[in-house]
Amino acid sequence: MAVRRRVVFVSLTLGLFVACRQPETSVPDGNAVHEFPVVVTFETAESLENLQDANLPGIEVADVRAALPGVESVFELQIQTRLSRAAALERLSHTPGVGSARPVREHRYSVLVEFGEPLSVTEAEHRLASLAPLLVRSPGGRDRSSYFEAVFETDAAATALLPRLSALPGVELAELNQQYQQE
């Protein structure tokens, strides 16, 4: 009987020793709150205020800052959510007043684009759509112009973006707008 107690005691002691030496493996919680930055374009200046006042289920806006100096409709938001990135971006994109919501990329460029003919902003957006600009606007707010400012966010360098822009049909010239560069 005494031998049996010693065997049980030794086995429990060794088991406890082994359990203490092995680190606890953590299982990631799929419902944990995570935070990530997104770039959001707004249709009007009031849309940002409406988004901050809105109760978006599952999304909390932790921080807001201008994405480009002098551009009042593009903001970088730090959001907190339990949703996946794709689901959070989808929900933000379908919020009234939001033009688009995308993950933040490595580079943000403002590019001056010249077309061979005068276009409306909508026509210019359509021609540049394959490169998914954050924003296209006409200098001076003219109805039709052959010059536009387009803001792109990409993981590629400007040396990769500019040739792709220049190769688009109708684009005469594409050059970096040095006034609004963010690297």
C-alpha atoms as a PDB file:
ATOM      1  CA  MET A   1       0.000   0.000   0.000  1.00  0.00           C
ATOM      2  CA  ALA A   2       2.840   2.406   0.852  1.00  0.00           C
ATOM      3  CA  VAL A   3       4.512   1.583  -2.456  1.00  0.00           C
ATOM      4  CA  ARG A   4       1.316   2.330  -4.333  1.00  0.00           C
ATOM      5  CA  ARG A   5       1.028   5.746  -2.595  1.00  0.00           C
ATOM      6  CA  ARG A   6       4.606   6.592  -3.510  1.00  0.00           C
ATOM      7  CA  VAL A   7       4.025   5.627  -7.157  1.00  0.00           C
ATOM      8  CA  VAL A   8       0.871   7.769  -7.295  1.00  0.00           C
ATOM      9  CA  PHE A   9       2.653  10.657  -5.558  1.00  0.00           C
ATOM     10  CA  VAL A  10       5.663  10.456  -7.901  1.00  0.00           C
ATOM     11  CA  SER A  11       3.475  10.250 -11.016  1.00  0.00           C
ATOM     12  CA  LEU A  12       1.384  13.244  -9.899  1.00  0.00           C
ATOM     13  CA  THR A  13       4.521  15.241  -9.091  1.00  0.00           C
ATOM     14  CA  LEU A  14       6.090  14.435 -12.467  1.00  0.00           C
ATOM     15  CA  GLY A  15       2.820  15.258 -14.241  1.00  0.00           C
ATOM     16  CA  LEU A  16       2.640  18.614 -12.467  1.00  0.00           C
ATOM     17  CA  PHE A  17       6.296  19.332 -13.277  1.00  0.00           C
ATOM     18  CA  VAL A  18       5.765  18.553 -16.990  1.00  0.00           C
ATOM     19  CA  ALA A  19       2.579  20.642 -17.095  1.00  0.00           C
ATOM     20  CA  CYS A  20       4.389  23.622 -15.564  1.00  0.00           C
ATOM     21  CA  ARG A  21       7.243  23.412 -18.061  1.00  0.00           C
ATOM     22  CA  GLN A  22       5.058  23.280 -21.194  1.00  0.00           C
ATOM     23  CA  PRO A  23       3.815  26.698 -22.276  1.00  0.00           C
ATOM     24  CA  GLU A  24       0.095  27.091 -22.682  1.00  0.00           C
ATOM     25  CA  THR A  25      -0.903  27.163 -26.321  1.00  0.00           C
ATOM     26  CA  SER A  26      -3.217  30.006 -27.108  1.00  0.00           C
ATOM     27  CA  VAL A  27      -6.006  29.539 -29.580  1.00  0.00           C
ATOM     28  CA  PRO A  28      -6.762  32.716 -31.544  1.00  0.00           C
ATOM     29  CA  ASP A  29     -10.220  34.069 -30.878  1.00  0.00           C
ATOM     30  CA  GLY A  30     -12.079  34.716 -34.121  1.00  0.00           C
ATOM     31  CA  ASN A  31     -14.373  37.112 -32.278  1.00  0.00           C
ATOM     32  CA  ALA A  32     -11.591  39.267 -30.850  1.00  0.00           C
ATOM     33  CA  VAL A  33     -11.679  42.981 -31.608  1.00  0.00           C
ATOM     34  CA  HIS A  34      -9.027  43.992 -34.102  1.00  0.00           C
ATOM     35  CA  GLU A  35      -8.071  47.396 -35.411  1.00  0.00           C
ATOM     36  CA  PHE A  36      -6.972  48.410 -38.890  1.00  0.00           C
ATOM     37  CA  PRO A  37      -6.793  51.541 -41.062  1.00  0.00           C
ATOM     38  CA  VAL A  38      -9.074  52.186 -44.039  1.00  0.00           C
ATOM     39  CA  VAL A  39      -9.247  54.980 -46.594  1.00  0.00           C
ATOM     40  CA  VAL A  40     -12.754  56.307 -47.120  1.00  0.00           C
ATOM     41  CA  THR A  41     -13.980  58.752 -49.763  1.00  0.00           C
ATOM     42  CA  PHE A  42     -17.086  60.736 -48.889  1.00  0.00           C
ATOM     43  CA  GLU A  43     -19.650  62.194 -51.273  1.00  0.00           C
ATOM     44  CA  THR A  44     -20.109  65.394 -49.233  1.00  0.00           C
ATOM     45  CA  ALA A  45     -18.355  67.157 -46.374  1.00  0.00           C
ATOM     46  CA  GLU A  46     -21.271  66.316 -44.042  1.00  0.00           C
ATOM     47  CA  SER A  47     -20.952  62.596 -44.797  1.00  0.00           C
ATOM     48  CA  LEU A  48     -17.980  62.224 -42.422  1.00  0.00           C
ATOM     49  CA  GLU A  49     -19.979  63.770 -39.573  1.00  0.00           C
ATOM     50  CA  ASN A  50     -22.924  61.506 -40.417  1.00  0.00           C
ATOM     51  CA  LEU A  51     -20.645  58.453 -40.337  1.00  0.00           C
ATOM     52  CA  GLN A  52     -19.248  59.440 -36.937  1.00  0.00           C
ATOM     53  CA  ASP A  53     -22.799  59.945 -35.604  1.00  0.00           C
ATOM     54  CA  ALA A  54     -24.163  56.764 -37.198  1.00  0.00           C
ATOM     55  CA  ASN A  55     -24.385  53.568 -35.243  1.00  0.00           C
ATOM     56  CA  LEU A  56     -22.658  51.055 -37.512  1.00  0.00           C
ATOM     57  CA  PRO A  57     -23.253  47.588 -36.064  1.00  0.00           C
ATOM     58  CA  GLY A  58     -19.934  45.928 -35.324  1.00  0.00           C
ATOM     59  CA  ILE A  59     -17.732  48.888 -36.321  1.00  0.00           C
ATOM     60  CA  GLU A  60     -16.320  51.646 -34.147  1.00  0.00           C
ATOM     61  CA  VAL A  61     -14.325  54.545 -35.597  1.00  0.00           C
ATOM     62  CA  ALA A  62     -11.329  55.027 -33.283  1.00  0.00           C
ATOM     63  CA  ASP A  63      -9.484  57.794 -35.147  1.00  0.00           C
ATOM     64  CA  VAL A  64     -10.022  60.072 -38.152  1.00  0.00           C
ATOM     65  CA  ARG A  65      -7.427  62.048 -40.072  1.00  0.00           C
ATOM     66  CA  ALA A  66      -7.165  63.680 -43.471  1.00  0.00           C
ATOM     67  CA  ALA A  67      -5.664  61.356 -46.061  1.00  0.00           C
ATOM     68  CA  LEU A  68      -4.291  64.145 -48.273  1.00  0.00           C
ATOM     69  CA  PRO A  69      -3.693  67.800 -47.407  1.00  0.00           C
ATOM     70  CA  GLY A  70      -6.247  70.045 -49.085  1.00  0.00           C
ATOM     71  CA  VAL A  71      -8.602  67.199 -50.064  1.00  0.00           C
ATOM     72  CA  GLU A  72     -11.700  67.417 -47.867  1.00  0.00           C
ATOM     73  CA  SER A  73     -13.436  64.251 -49.047  1.00  0.00           C
ATOM     74  CA  VAL A  74     -10.773  61.563 -48.463  1.00  0.00           C
ATOM     75  CA  PHE A  75     -10.046  60.442 -44.895  1.00  0.00           C
ATOM     76  CA  GLU A  76      -8.072  57.698 -43.228  1.00  0.00           C
ATOM     77  CA  LEU A  77     -10.063  56.013 -40.458  1.00  0.00           C
ATOM     78  CA  GLN A  78      -8.760  53.675 -37.784  1.00  0.00           C
ATOM     79  CA  ILE A  79     -11.615  51.261 -37.132  1.00  0.00           C
ATOM     80  CA  GLN A  80     -12.173  48.654 -34.438  1.00  0.00           C
ATOM     81  CA  THR A  81     -14.337  45.657 -35.248  1.00  0.00           C
ATOM     82  CA  ARG A  82     -15.026  42.004 -34.620  1.00  0.00           C
ATOM     83  CA  LEU A  83     -15.937  41.607 -38.291  1.00  0.00           C
ATOM     84  CA  SER A  84     -13.484  40.392 -40.900  1.00  0.00           C
ATOM     85  CA  ARG A  85     -11.730  43.095 -42.913  1.00  0.00           C
ATOM     86  CA  ALA A  86     -13.783  42.266 -45.988  1.00  0.00           C
ATOM     87  CA  ALA A  87     -17.084  42.427 -44.074  1.00  0.00           C
ATOM     88  CA  ALA A  88     -16.134  45.718 -42.376  1.00  0.00           C
ATOM     89  CA  LEU A  89     -15.127  47.291 -45.712  1.00  0.00           C
ATOM     90  CA  GLU A  90     -18.349  46.057 -47.308  1.00  0.00           C
ATOM     91  CA  ARG A  91     -20.451  47.540 -44.491  1.00  0.00           C
ATOM     92  CA  LEU A  92     -18.594  50.869 -44.693  1.00  0.00           C
ATOM     93  CA  SER A  93     -18.964  50.980 -48.500  1.00  0.00           C
ATOM     94  CA  HIS A  94     -22.745  50.619 -48.223  1.00  0.00           C
ATOM     95  CA  THR A  95     -23.091  53.399 -45.644  1.00  0.00           C
ATOM     96  CA  PRO A  96     -25.003  56.421 -47.018  1.00  0.00           C
ATOM     97  CA  GLY A  97     -22.633  59.211 -48.070  1.00  0.00           C
ATOM     98  CA  VAL A  98     -19.613  56.922 -48.451  1.00  0.00           C
ATOM     99  CA  GLY A  99     -18.213  56.679 -51.977  1.00  0.00           C
ATOM    100  CA  SER A 100     -15.698  53.922 -51.285  1.00  0.00           C
ATOM    101  CA  ALA A 101     -13.843  52.224 -48.443  1.00  0.00           C
ATOM    102  CA  ARG A 102     -10.545  50.424 -48.994  1.00  0.00           C
ATOM    103  CA  PRO A 103      -7.664  49.108 -46.927  1.00  0.00           C
ATOM    104  CA  VAL A 104      -4.731  51.482 -46.591  1.00  0.00           C
ATOM    105  CA  ARG A 105      -1.971  50.715 -49.072  1.00  0.00           C
ATOM    106  CA  GLU A 106       1.731  51.468 -48.871  1.00  0.00           C
ATOM    107  CA  HIS A 107       1.759  54.555 -51.141  1.00  0.00           C
ATOM    108  CA  ARG A 108      -0.706  57.342 -51.875  1.00  0.00           C
ATOM    109  CA  TYR A 109      -0.120  59.474 -54.968  1.00  0.00           C
ATOM    110  CA  SER A 110      -1.812  62.517 -56.408  1.00  0.00           C
ATOM    111  CA  VAL A 111      -1.398  62.450 -60.182  1.00  0.00           C
ATOM    112  CA  LEU A 112      -2.159  65.146 -62.744  1.00  0.00           C
ATOM    113  CA  VAL A 113      -3.762  63.479 -65.761  1.00  0.00           C
ATOM    114  CA  GLU A 114      -4.276  65.168 -69.130  1.00  0.00           C
ATOM    115  CA  PHE A 115      -6.762  63.722 -71.598  1.00  0.00           C
ATOM    116  CA  GLY A 116      -6.767  64.473 -75.330  1.00  0.00           C
ATOM    117  CA  GLU A 117     -10.268  65.951 -75.123  1.00  0.00           C
ATOM    118  CA  PRO A 118     -12.375  67.779 -72.523  1.00  0.00           C
ATOM    119  CA  LEU A 119     -14.297  65.384 -70.255  1.00  0.00           C
ATOM    120  CA  SER A 120     -16.662  65.624 -67.314  1.00  0.00           C
ATOM    121  CA  VAL A 121     -15.472  64.301 -63.949  1.00  0.00           C
ATOM    122  CA  THR A 122     -17.747  61.269 -64.391  1.00  0.00           C
ATOM    123  CA  GLU A 123     -16.230  60.503 -67.807  1.00  0.00           C
ATOM    124  CA  ALA A 124     -12.701  60.870 -66.402  1.00  0.00           C
ATOM    125  CA  GLU A 125     -13.577  58.530 -63.498  1.00  0.00           C
ATOM    126  CA  HIS A 126     -14.885  55.998 -66.024  1.00  0.00           C
ATOM    127  CA  ARG A 127     -11.681  56.157 -68.096  1.00  0.00           C
ATOM    128  CA  LEU A 128      -9.494  55.726 -64.993  1.00  0.00           C
ATOM    129  CA  ALA A 129     -11.719  53.068 -63.378  1.00  0.00           C
ATOM    130  CA  SER A 130      -9.394  50.163 -64.230  1.00  0.00           C
ATOM    131  CA  LEU A 131      -6.786  51.635 -61.848  1.00  0.00           C
ATOM    132  CA  ALA A 132      -9.376  52.327 -59.110  1.00  0.00           C
ATOM    133  CA  PRO A 133      -8.616  55.927 -58.111  1.00  0.00           C
ATOM    134  CA  LEU A 134      -9.683  57.096 -54.669  1.00  0.00           C
ATOM    135  CA  LEU A 135     -10.708  60.451 -56.079  1.00  0.00           C
ATOM    136  CA  VAL A 136     -10.909  62.226 -59.433  1.00  0.00           C
ATOM    137  CA  ARG A 137     -11.532  65.957 -59.504  1.00  0.00           C
ATOM    138  CA  SER A 138     -11.351  68.796 -61.967  1.00  0.00           C
ATOM    139  CA  PRO A 139      -9.102  71.733 -61.081  1.00  0.00           C
ATOM    140  CA  GLY A 140     -11.220  74.780 -60.385  1.00  0.00           C
ATOM    141  CA  GLY A 141     -14.403  72.697 -60.334  1.00  0.00           C
ATOM    142  CA  ARG A 142     -15.046  73.151 -64.079  1.00  0.00           C
ATOM    143  CA  ASP A 143     -17.817  71.120 -65.721  1.00  0.00           C
ATOM    144  CA  ARG A 144     -15.532  69.878 -68.492  1.00  0.00           C
ATOM    145  CA  SER A 145     -11.762  69.844 -68.582  1.00  0.00           C
ATOM    146  CA  SER A 146      -8.917  67.943 -70.184  1.00  0.00           C
ATOM    147  CA  TYR A 147      -6.887  68.140 -66.925  1.00  0.00           C
ATOM    148  CA  PHE A 148      -7.773  66.218 -63.770  1.00  0.00           C
ATOM    149  CA  GLU A 149      -6.249  65.375 -60.432  1.00  0.00           C
ATOM    150  CA  ALA A 150      -6.547  61.675 -59.589  1.00  0.00           C
ATOM    151  CA  VAL A 151      -5.566  60.228 -56.215  1.00  0.00           C
ATOM    152  CA  PHE A 152      -4.367  56.621 -56.217  1.00  0.00           C
ATOM    153  CA  GLU A 153      -3.406  54.334 -53.395  1.00  0.00           C
ATOM    154  CA  THR A 154      -1.209  51.385 -54.303  1.00  0.00           C
ATOM    155  CA  ASP A 155       1.450  49.029 -53.026  1.00  0.00           C
ATOM    156  CA  ALA A 156       3.453  49.712 -56.201  1.00  0.00           C
ATOM    157  CA  ALA A 157       5.911  52.549 -56.666  1.00  0.00           C
ATOM    158  CA  ALA A 158       5.045  55.603 -58.757  1.00  0.00           C
ATOM    159  CA  THR A 159       7.369  54.280 -61.451  1.00  0.00           C
ATOM    160  CA  ALA A 160       4.901  51.402 -61.935  1.00  0.00           C
ATOM    161  CA  LEU A 161       1.737  53.527 -61.730  1.00  0.00           C
ATOM    162  CA  LEU A 162       2.631  56.278 -64.215  1.00  0.00           C
ATOM    163  CA  PRO A 163       3.281  53.991 -67.234  1.00  0.00           C
ATOM    164  CA  ARG A 164      -0.007  52.174 -66.577  1.00  0.00           C
ATOM    165  CA  LEU A 165      -1.821  55.519 -66.513  1.00  0.00           C
ATOM    166  CA  SER A 166      -0.104  56.744 -69.677  1.00  0.00           C
ATOM    167  CA  ALA A 167      -1.105  53.530 -71.481  1.00  0.00           C
ATOM    168  CA  LEU A 168      -4.836  54.120 -70.898  1.00  0.00           C
ATOM    169  CA  PRO A 169      -6.790  55.183 -74.012  1.00  0.00           C
ATOM    170  CA  GLY A 170      -7.141  58.957 -74.293  1.00  0.00           C
ATOM    171  CA  VAL A 171      -4.485  59.807 -71.677  1.00  0.00           C
ATOM    172  CA  GLU A 172      -1.978  62.287 -73.100  1.00  0.00           C
ATOM    173  CA  LEU A 173       0.102  62.901 -69.969  1.00  0.00           C
ATOM    174  CA  ALA A 174       0.328  61.586 -66.403  1.00  0.00           C
ATOM    175  CA  GLU A 175       2.705  63.112 -63.859  1.00  0.00           C
ATOM    176  CA  LEU A 176       2.983  63.233 -60.095  1.00  0.00           C
ATOM    177  CA  ASN A 177       1.427  66.214 -58.382  1.00  0.00           C
ATOM    178  CA  GLN A 178       4.359  67.221 -56.173  1.00  0.00           C
ATOM    179  CA  GLN A 179       2.129  69.335 -53.927  1.00  0.00           C
ATOM    180  CA  TYR A 180       0.321  66.365 -52.332  1.00  0.00           C
ATOM    181  CA  GLN A 181       2.838  63.530 -52.061  1.00  0.00           C
ATOM    182  CA  GLN A 182       2.674  61.206 -49.073  1.00  0.00           C
ATOM    183  CA  GLU A 183       5.293  58.484 -48.814  1.00  0.00           C
END
